[in-house]
């Protein structure tokens, strides 16, 4: 059985977790609605495929590659907002 974390570390870990979980769903919905129309067909296929895989609980690894400016970060942000 793992050793318990000291109280100071436990509070620090919990603060980090709380910060990660502190997001506004309305802001995320706004981001999705505002940017959904900017997805090109390749972006849409990638987002739909990854999101459907997550929704079905499948354990698949995806790699998104492309040259600079092709929209990789945009796709990542859209996926994170959707999830």
N, C-alpha and C. Protein backbone atom coordinates (compact mmCIF):
# COMPACT_ATOMS: atom_id res chain seq x y z
N UNK A 1 0.85 -1.17 0.00
CA UNK A 1 0.00 0.00 0.00
C UNK A 1 0.89 1.24 0.00
N UNK A 2 0.59 2.22 -0.86
CA UNK A 2 1.45 3.41 -0.92
C UNK A 2 1.34 4.24 0.35
N UNK A 3 2.41 4.93 0.66
CA UNK A 3 2.42 5.82 1.82
C UNK A 3 1.53 7.03 1.55
N UNK A 4 0.87 7.50 2.58
CA UNK A 4 0.04 8.69 2.44
C UNK A 4 0.93 9.92 2.25
N UNK A 5 0.45 10.86 1.47
CA UNK A 5 1.18 12.09 1.26
C UNK A 5 1.12 12.95 2.51
N UNK A 6 2.19 13.70 2.79
CA UNK A 6 2.10 14.66 3.90
C UNK A 6 0.98 15.66 3.62
N UNK A 7 0.41 16.22 4.68
CA UNK A 7 -0.73 17.12 4.56
C UNK A 7 -0.44 18.29 3.62
N UNK A 8 0.75 18.86 3.70
CA UNK A 8 1.10 20.01 2.85
C UNK A 8 1.05 19.61 1.38
N UNK A 9 1.62 18.46 1.04
CA UNK A 9 1.60 17.99 -0.34
C UNK A 9 0.18 17.64 -0.78
N UNK A 10 -0.59 17.06 0.11
CA UNK A 10 -1.95 16.68 -0.23
C UNK A 10 -2.78 17.92 -0.57
N UNK A 11 -2.63 18.97 0.22
CA UNK A 11 -3.35 20.21 -0.06
C UNK A 11 -2.90 20.82 -1.38
N UNK A 12 -1.60 20.75 -1.67
CA UNK A 12 -1.07 21.29 -2.92
C UNK A 12 -1.62 20.52 -4.11
N UNK A 13 -1.66 19.21 -4.03
CA UNK A 13 -2.20 18.38 -5.10
C UNK A 13 -3.68 18.68 -5.30
N UNK A 14 -4.41 18.79 -4.23
CA UNK A 14 -5.83 19.08 -4.33
C UNK A 14 -6.09 20.45 -4.93
N UNK A 15 -5.24 21.44 -4.63
CA UNK A 15 -5.39 22.76 -5.22
C UNK A 15 -5.15 22.70 -6.72
N UNK A 16 -4.17 21.91 -7.14
CA UNK A 16 -3.92 21.75 -8.57
C UNK A 16 -5.10 21.08 -9.25
N UNK A 17 -5.64 20.06 -8.62
CA UNK A 17 -6.80 19.37 -9.16
C UNK A 17 -8.00 20.32 -9.23
N UNK A 18 -8.20 21.08 -8.19
CA UNK A 18 -9.31 22.03 -8.17
C UNK A 18 -9.15 23.08 -9.27
N UNK A 19 -7.93 23.53 -9.50
CA UNK A 19 -7.68 24.51 -10.57
C UNK A 19 -7.97 23.91 -11.94
N UNK A 20 -7.63 22.64 -12.13
CA UNK A 20 -7.88 21.98 -13.41
C UNK A 20 -9.37 21.76 -13.64
N UNK A 21 -10.11 21.53 -12.59
CA UNK A 21 -11.54 21.27 -12.71
C UNK A 21 -12.38 22.54 -12.69
N UNK A 22 -11.75 23.69 -12.51
CA UNK A 22 -12.46 24.96 -12.42
C UNK A 22 -12.60 25.56 -13.82
N UNK A 23 -13.62 25.13 -14.54
CA UNK A 23 -13.88 25.66 -15.87
C UNK A 23 -15.35 26.00 -16.00
N UNK A 24 -15.66 26.88 -16.91
CA UNK A 24 -17.03 27.35 -17.10
C UNK A 24 -17.60 26.69 -18.35
N UNK A 25 -18.60 25.84 -18.17
CA UNK A 25 -19.20 25.12 -19.30
C UNK A 25 -19.82 26.07 -20.32
N UNK A 26 -20.36 27.18 -19.87
CA UNK A 26 -20.95 28.14 -20.80
C UNK A 26 -19.89 28.73 -21.73
N UNK A 27 -18.70 28.99 -21.19
CA UNK A 27 -17.60 29.50 -22.01
C UNK A 27 -17.20 28.45 -23.04
N UNK A 28 -17.14 27.19 -22.62
CA UNK A 28 -16.78 26.13 -23.55
C UNK A 28 -17.82 25.96 -24.65
N UNK A 29 -19.10 26.02 -24.28
CA UNK A 29 -20.17 25.94 -25.29
C UNK A 29 -20.07 27.11 -26.27
N UNK A 30 -19.77 28.28 -25.75
CA UNK A 30 -19.59 29.46 -26.61
C UNK A 30 -18.44 29.27 -27.58
N UNK A 31 -17.33 28.72 -27.09
CA UNK A 31 -16.17 28.46 -27.94
C UNK A 31 -16.54 27.49 -29.06
N UNK A 32 -17.25 26.42 -28.71
CA UNK A 32 -17.66 25.43 -29.71
C UNK A 32 -18.57 26.07 -30.75
N UNK A 33 -19.60 26.78 -30.31
CA UNK A 33 -20.54 27.40 -31.24
C UNK A 33 -19.87 28.43 -32.14
N UNK A 34 -18.92 29.17 -31.59
CA UNK A 34 -18.24 30.21 -32.35
C UNK A 34 -17.29 29.63 -33.38
N UNK A 35 -16.67 28.49 -33.09
CA UNK A 35 -15.62 27.96 -33.96
C UNK A 35 -16.01 26.73 -34.77
N UNK A 36 -17.18 26.19 -34.54
CA UNK A 36 -17.60 24.99 -35.26
C UNK A 36 -17.62 25.20 -36.77
N UNK A 37 -18.03 26.36 -37.20
CA UNK A 37 -18.12 26.64 -38.63
C UNK A 37 -16.74 26.80 -39.28
N UNK A 38 -15.69 26.97 -38.48
CA UNK A 38 -14.34 27.14 -39.02
C UNK A 38 -13.64 25.81 -39.31
N UNK A 39 -14.25 24.70 -38.91
CA UNK A 39 -13.64 23.40 -39.19
C UNK A 39 -13.73 23.10 -40.68
N UNK A 40 -12.59 22.76 -41.30
CA UNK A 40 -12.67 22.30 -42.69
C UNK A 40 -12.99 20.80 -42.66
N UNK A 41 -13.11 20.19 -43.81
CA UNK A 41 -13.54 18.79 -43.86
C UNK A 41 -12.55 17.86 -43.15
N UNK A 42 -11.27 18.12 -43.29
CA UNK A 42 -10.26 17.28 -42.61
C UNK A 42 -10.33 17.45 -41.10
N UNK A 43 -10.49 18.69 -40.65
CA UNK A 43 -10.64 18.94 -39.21
C UNK A 43 -11.89 18.25 -38.68
N UNK A 44 -12.98 18.38 -39.43
CA UNK A 44 -14.25 17.79 -39.00
C UNK A 44 -14.15 16.27 -38.87
N UNK A 45 -13.50 15.64 -39.84
CA UNK A 45 -13.32 14.18 -39.79
C UNK A 45 -12.51 13.79 -38.56
N UNK A 46 -11.42 14.53 -38.29
CA UNK A 46 -10.57 14.22 -37.14
C UNK A 46 -11.34 14.40 -35.83
N UNK A 47 -12.03 15.53 -35.70
CA UNK A 47 -12.77 15.81 -34.46
C UNK A 47 -13.87 14.77 -34.25
N UNK A 48 -14.63 14.48 -35.30
CA UNK A 48 -15.73 13.51 -35.20
C UNK A 48 -15.22 12.12 -34.85
N UNK A 49 -14.15 11.70 -35.50
CA UNK A 49 -13.59 10.37 -35.25
C UNK A 49 -13.10 10.24 -33.82
N UNK A 50 -12.32 11.19 -33.36
CA UNK A 50 -11.77 11.13 -32.00
C UNK A 50 -12.89 11.25 -30.96
N UNK A 51 -13.82 12.18 -31.17
CA UNK A 51 -14.90 12.36 -30.20
C UNK A 51 -15.78 11.12 -30.11
N UNK A 52 -16.12 10.51 -31.24
CA UNK A 52 -16.94 9.30 -31.23
C UNK A 52 -16.22 8.15 -30.53
N UNK A 53 -14.92 8.06 -30.73
CA UNK A 53 -14.13 7.03 -30.07
C UNK A 53 -14.14 7.22 -28.56
N UNK A 54 -14.01 8.47 -28.12
CA UNK A 54 -14.06 8.77 -26.69
C UNK A 54 -15.44 8.44 -26.13
N UNK A 55 -16.49 8.84 -26.85
CA UNK A 55 -17.86 8.62 -26.39
C UNK A 55 -18.19 7.13 -26.27
N UNK A 56 -17.58 6.31 -27.13
CA UNK A 56 -17.82 4.87 -27.09
C UNK A 56 -16.93 4.15 -26.09
N UNK A 57 -15.99 4.88 -25.49
CA UNK A 57 -15.12 4.29 -24.49
C UNK A 57 -14.05 3.37 -25.06
N UNK A 58 -13.71 3.55 -26.31
CA UNK A 58 -12.68 2.72 -26.93
C UNK A 58 -11.30 3.25 -26.56
N UNK A 59 -10.37 2.35 -26.41
CA UNK A 59 -9.00 2.73 -26.06
C UNK A 59 -8.11 2.78 -27.28
N UNK A 60 -8.24 3.82 -28.07
CA UNK A 60 -7.47 3.96 -29.30
C UNK A 60 -6.57 5.18 -29.17
N UNK A 61 -5.37 5.09 -29.72
CA UNK A 61 -4.43 6.20 -29.72
C UNK A 61 -4.47 6.86 -31.10
N UNK A 62 -4.55 8.18 -31.10
CA UNK A 62 -4.54 8.94 -32.36
C UNK A 62 -3.32 9.85 -32.38
N UNK A 63 -2.78 10.06 -33.57
CA UNK A 63 -1.69 11.01 -33.77
C UNK A 63 -2.18 12.02 -34.80
N UNK A 64 -2.06 13.28 -34.47
CA UNK A 64 -2.46 14.35 -35.37
C UNK A 64 -1.19 15.01 -35.86
N UNK A 65 -0.96 14.93 -37.16
CA UNK A 65 0.25 15.53 -37.70
C UNK A 65 -0.11 16.39 -38.90
N UNK A 66 0.76 17.33 -39.18
CA UNK A 66 0.56 18.21 -40.32
C UNK A 66 1.56 19.34 -40.24
N UNK A 67 1.72 20.05 -41.34
CA UNK A 67 2.67 21.16 -41.34
C UNK A 67 2.17 22.31 -40.47
N UNK A 68 3.07 23.21 -40.14
CA UNK A 68 2.70 24.37 -39.35
C UNK A 68 1.60 25.16 -40.03
N UNK A 69 0.61 25.57 -39.25
CA UNK A 69 -0.49 26.35 -39.80
C UNK A 69 -1.62 25.53 -40.37
N UNK A 70 -1.56 24.20 -40.20
CA UNK A 70 -2.61 23.35 -40.77
C UNK A 70 -3.82 23.19 -39.83
N UNK A 71 -3.72 23.68 -38.60
CA UNK A 71 -4.86 23.68 -37.70
C UNK A 71 -4.83 22.61 -36.62
N UNK A 72 -3.65 22.08 -36.33
CA UNK A 72 -3.56 21.03 -35.30
C UNK A 72 -4.00 21.57 -33.93
N UNK A 73 -3.51 22.71 -33.54
CA UNK A 73 -3.87 23.29 -32.25
C UNK A 73 -5.36 23.61 -32.21
N UNK A 74 -5.90 24.09 -33.31
CA UNK A 74 -7.33 24.38 -33.40
C UNK A 74 -8.14 23.11 -33.17
N UNK A 75 -7.74 22.00 -33.77
CA UNK A 75 -8.43 20.72 -33.58
C UNK A 75 -8.31 20.27 -32.12
N UNK A 76 -7.11 20.39 -31.54
CA UNK A 76 -6.93 20.01 -30.14
C UNK A 76 -7.85 20.83 -29.22
N UNK A 77 -7.90 22.13 -29.45
CA UNK A 77 -8.75 23.00 -28.60
C UNK A 77 -10.22 22.63 -28.75
N UNK A 78 -10.63 22.33 -29.98
CA UNK A 78 -12.03 21.95 -30.20
C UNK A 78 -12.35 20.65 -29.49
N UNK A 79 -11.44 19.67 -29.57
CA UNK A 79 -11.66 18.39 -28.89
C UNK A 79 -11.74 18.58 -27.38
N UNK A 80 -10.85 19.39 -26.84
CA UNK A 80 -10.87 19.62 -25.39
C UNK A 80 -12.13 20.32 -24.95
N UNK A 81 -12.62 21.25 -25.75
CA UNK A 81 -13.86 21.93 -25.42
C UNK A 81 -15.05 20.97 -25.49
N UNK A 82 -15.04 20.08 -26.46
CA UNK A 82 -16.12 19.12 -26.61
C UNK A 82 -16.14 18.09 -25.48
N UNK A 83 -14.98 17.65 -25.07
CA UNK A 83 -14.89 16.65 -24.01
C UNK A 83 -15.21 17.29 -22.68
